[in-house]
Protein backbone atom coordinates (compact mmCIF):
# COMPACT_ATOMS: atom_id res chain seq x y z
CA UNK A 1 -1.01 -12.47 14.88
CA UNK A 2 2.71 -12.18 14.12
CA UNK A 3 3.82 -9.46 11.73
CA UNK A 4 4.77 -10.57 8.26
CA UNK A 5 8.52 -10.55 7.66
CA UNK A 6 10.85 -10.47 4.68
CA UNK A 7 10.68 -13.88 3.00
CA UNK A 8 7.08 -14.55 4.06
CA UNK A 9 4.48 -15.27 1.40
CA UNK A 10 1.64 -12.77 1.33
CA UNK A 11 -1.65 -14.06 2.69
CA UNK A 12 -4.76 -14.61 0.59
CA UNK A 13 -6.82 -11.44 0.34
CA UNK A 14 -9.78 -9.89 -1.42
CA UNK A 15 -10.15 -6.10 -1.76
CA UNK A 16 -11.93 -3.67 -4.06
CA UNK A 17 -9.89 -1.40 -6.32
CA UNK A 18 -10.78 2.22 -7.06
CA UNK A 19 -11.91 0.93 -10.47
CA UNK A 20 -14.59 -1.18 -8.76
CA UNK A 21 -12.82 -4.43 -9.62
CA UNK A 22 -12.35 -7.08 -6.96
CA UNK A 23 -8.65 -7.93 -6.53
CA UNK A 24 -7.21 -11.07 -4.93
CA UNK A 25 -3.66 -12.17 -4.15
CA UNK A 26 -3.81 -14.46 -7.20
CA UNK A 27 -4.57 -11.47 -9.44
CA UNK A 28 -1.21 -9.84 -8.67
CA UNK A 29 0.85 -13.03 -8.57
CA UNK A 30 3.52 -12.98 -11.25
CA UNK A 31 4.39 -9.30 -10.95
CA UNK A 32 6.48 -7.19 -8.60
CA UNK A 33 4.70 -4.49 -6.68
CA UNK A 34 4.86 -1.94 -3.92
CA UNK A 35 1.99 -2.31 -1.43
CA UNK A 36 1.71 0.76 0.75
CA UNK A 37 -0.73 1.17 3.60
CA UNK A 38 -1.84 4.64 4.67
CA UNK A 39 -4.33 5.93 7.25
CA UNK A 40 -6.84 8.05 5.31
CA UNK A 41 -7.57 9.69 1.97
CA UNK A 42 -7.20 13.46 1.67
CA UNK A 43 -5.24 14.00 4.87
CA UNK A 44 -1.99 15.99 4.84
CA UNK A 45 0.51 13.16 5.39
CA UNK A 46 -1.32 10.71 3.17
CA UNK A 47 -1.55 13.29 0.40
CA UNK A 48 2.20 13.98 0.61
CA UNK A 49 2.98 10.29 0.39
CA UNK A 50 0.52 9.67 -2.47
CA UNK A 51 1.97 12.59 -4.45
CA UNK A 52 5.49 11.23 -3.94
CA UNK A 53 4.42 7.81 -5.23
CA UNK A 54 2.60 9.51 -8.14
CA UNK A 55 5.70 11.50 -9.07
CA UNK A 56 7.93 8.39 -8.89
CA UNK A 57 5.47 5.96 -10.52
CA UNK A 58 7.16 6.00 -13.93
CA UNK A 59 10.53 5.18 -12.37
CA UNK A 60 9.01 2.35 -10.32
CA UNK A 61 7.29 1.03 -13.46
CA UNK A 62 10.56 1.18 -15.41
CA UNK A 63 12.09 -0.99 -12.67
CA UNK A 64 9.17 -3.43 -13.03
CA UNK A 65 7.07 -2.43 -10.00
CA UNK A 66 3.37 -1.63 -9.87
CA UNK A 67 2.14 0.53 -6.97
CA UNK A 68 -0.97 -0.17 -4.90
CA UNK A 69 -2.12 2.05 -2.04
CA UNK A 70 -4.34 0.57 0.68
CA UNK A 71 -6.56 2.19 3.29
CA UNK A 72 -9.90 1.39 4.87
CA UNK A 73 -11.62 4.23 2.99
CA UNK A 74 -14.45 3.48 0.57
CA UNK A 75 -13.88 3.09 -3.16
CA UNK A 76 -15.84 6.33 -3.61
CA UNK A 77 -13.41 8.15 -1.33
CA UNK A 78 -10.50 6.58 -3.20
CA UNK A 79 -11.90 7.79 -6.52
CA UNK A 80 -12.23 11.36 -5.24
CA UNK A 81 -8.68 11.23 -3.80
CA UNK A 82 -7.26 9.65 -6.98
CA UNK A 83 -8.91 12.23 -9.23
CA UNK A 84 -8.10 15.24 -7.06
CA UNK A 85 -4.42 14.29 -6.76
CA UNK A 86 -4.16 12.87 -10.30
CA UNK A 87 -2.82 9.59 -8.96
CA UNK A 88 -1.44 7.24 -11.59
CA UNK A 89 -1.64 4.04 -9.57
CA UNK A 90 -4.42 1.95 -8.07
CA UNK A 91 -5.94 2.39 -4.62
CA UNK A 92 -7.44 -0.62 -2.83
CA UNK A 93 -10.29 -0.36 -0.35
CA UNK A 94 -9.91 -2.67 2.66
CA UNK A 95 -13.23 -1.82 4.32
CA UNK A 96 -13.26 -4.75 6.72
CA UNK A 97 -9.59 -4.31 7.61
CA UNK A 98 -8.72 -7.93 6.81
CA UNK A 99 -5.74 -7.05 4.60
CA UNK A 100 -4.49 -4.51 7.13
CA UNK A 101 -4.80 -7.12 9.89
CA UNK A 102 -3.04 -9.75 7.78
CA UNK A 103 -0.08 -7.43 7.22
CA UNK A 104 -0.05 -6.31 10.86
CA UNK A 105 -0.45 -2.61 10.11
CA UNK A 106 -3.38 -1.84 12.40
CA UNK A 107 -2.29 0.65 15.07
CA UNK A 108 -3.81 -0.17 18.45
CA UNK A 109 -4.34 1.94 21.55
CA UNK A 110 -5.14 -0.05 24.70
CA UNK A 111 -5.85 -3.05 22.46
CA UNK A 112 -8.41 -1.21 20.34
CA UNK A 113 -7.86 -0.60 16.60
CA UNK A 114 -7.02 3.08 16.17
CA UNK A 115 -6.02 3.41 12.53
CA UNK A 116 -3.38 2.23 10.12
CA UNK A 117 0.34 2.41 10.80
CA UNK A 118 1.88 3.86 7.63
CA UNK A 119 3.78 0.88 6.17
CA UNK A 120 5.12 -0.39 2.86
CA UNK A 121 5.89 -3.87 1.58
CA UNK A 122 7.80 -4.80 -1.54
CA UNK A 123 6.43 -8.01 -3.07
CA UNK A 124 8.15 -10.16 -5.70
CA UNK A 125 6.62 -12.15 -8.56
CA UNK A 126 6.23 -15.24 -6.37
CA UNK A 127 4.17 -13.38 -3.76
CA UNK A 128 6.99 -13.14 -1.22
CA UNK A 129 7.86 -10.05 0.76
CA UNK A 130 11.33 -8.78 -0.19
CA UNK A 131 11.28 -5.65 1.98
CA UNK A 132 9.08 -4.35 4.81
CA UNK A 133 8.96 -0.82 6.18
CA UNK A 134 6.74 0.01 9.15
CA UNK A 135 5.95 3.36 10.70
CA UNK A 136 7.43 5.27 7.78
CA UNK A 137 7.69 9.04 7.43
CA UNK A 138 5.26 10.34 4.79
CA UNK A 139 7.66 13.09 3.71
CA UNK A 140 10.76 11.01 3.14
CA UNK A 141 9.61 7.44 2.64
CA UNK A 142 9.32 7.30 -1.15
CA UNK A 143 12.78 8.83 -1.65
CA UNK A 144 14.22 6.37 0.87
CA UNK A 145 12.42 3.46 -0.82
CA UNK A 146 13.77 4.50 -4.21
CA UNK A 147 17.27 4.60 -2.78
CA UNK A 148 16.88 1.17 -1.12
CA UNK A 149 15.62 -0.36 -4.38
CA UNK A 150 18.19 1.45 -6.54
CA UNK A 151 15.49 3.30 -8.51
């Protein structure tokens, strides 16, 4: 499957939010959002990145962007991570990896899925990708994203 590029429409998807709600692509149509993929809850790099998004969430919101974090962890794991780190944005559970596959963020070793490549996509109100960042640095990514978006 080819990686999604800037200008591509996001594919149909169905995930479960940390609230227990089922979320589809249609549910977020009509709003701008940051969709960031990360390997695993409660790991050092993922915690750094989540805290950076948490600390910048108000500025992203003021610019009209919602934030959604995606990993293959369970909703229960997401809830523990969200509560422990006082995250102020929604985490989506992609247990079957379909959303990760659709966005081309599965890291492979010898052709075998070996985790998620830390990546972020900026989506506009029409469901099109306006920016794509793959293999980002957990420490610096949010600051760089803010700069790119003028936030």
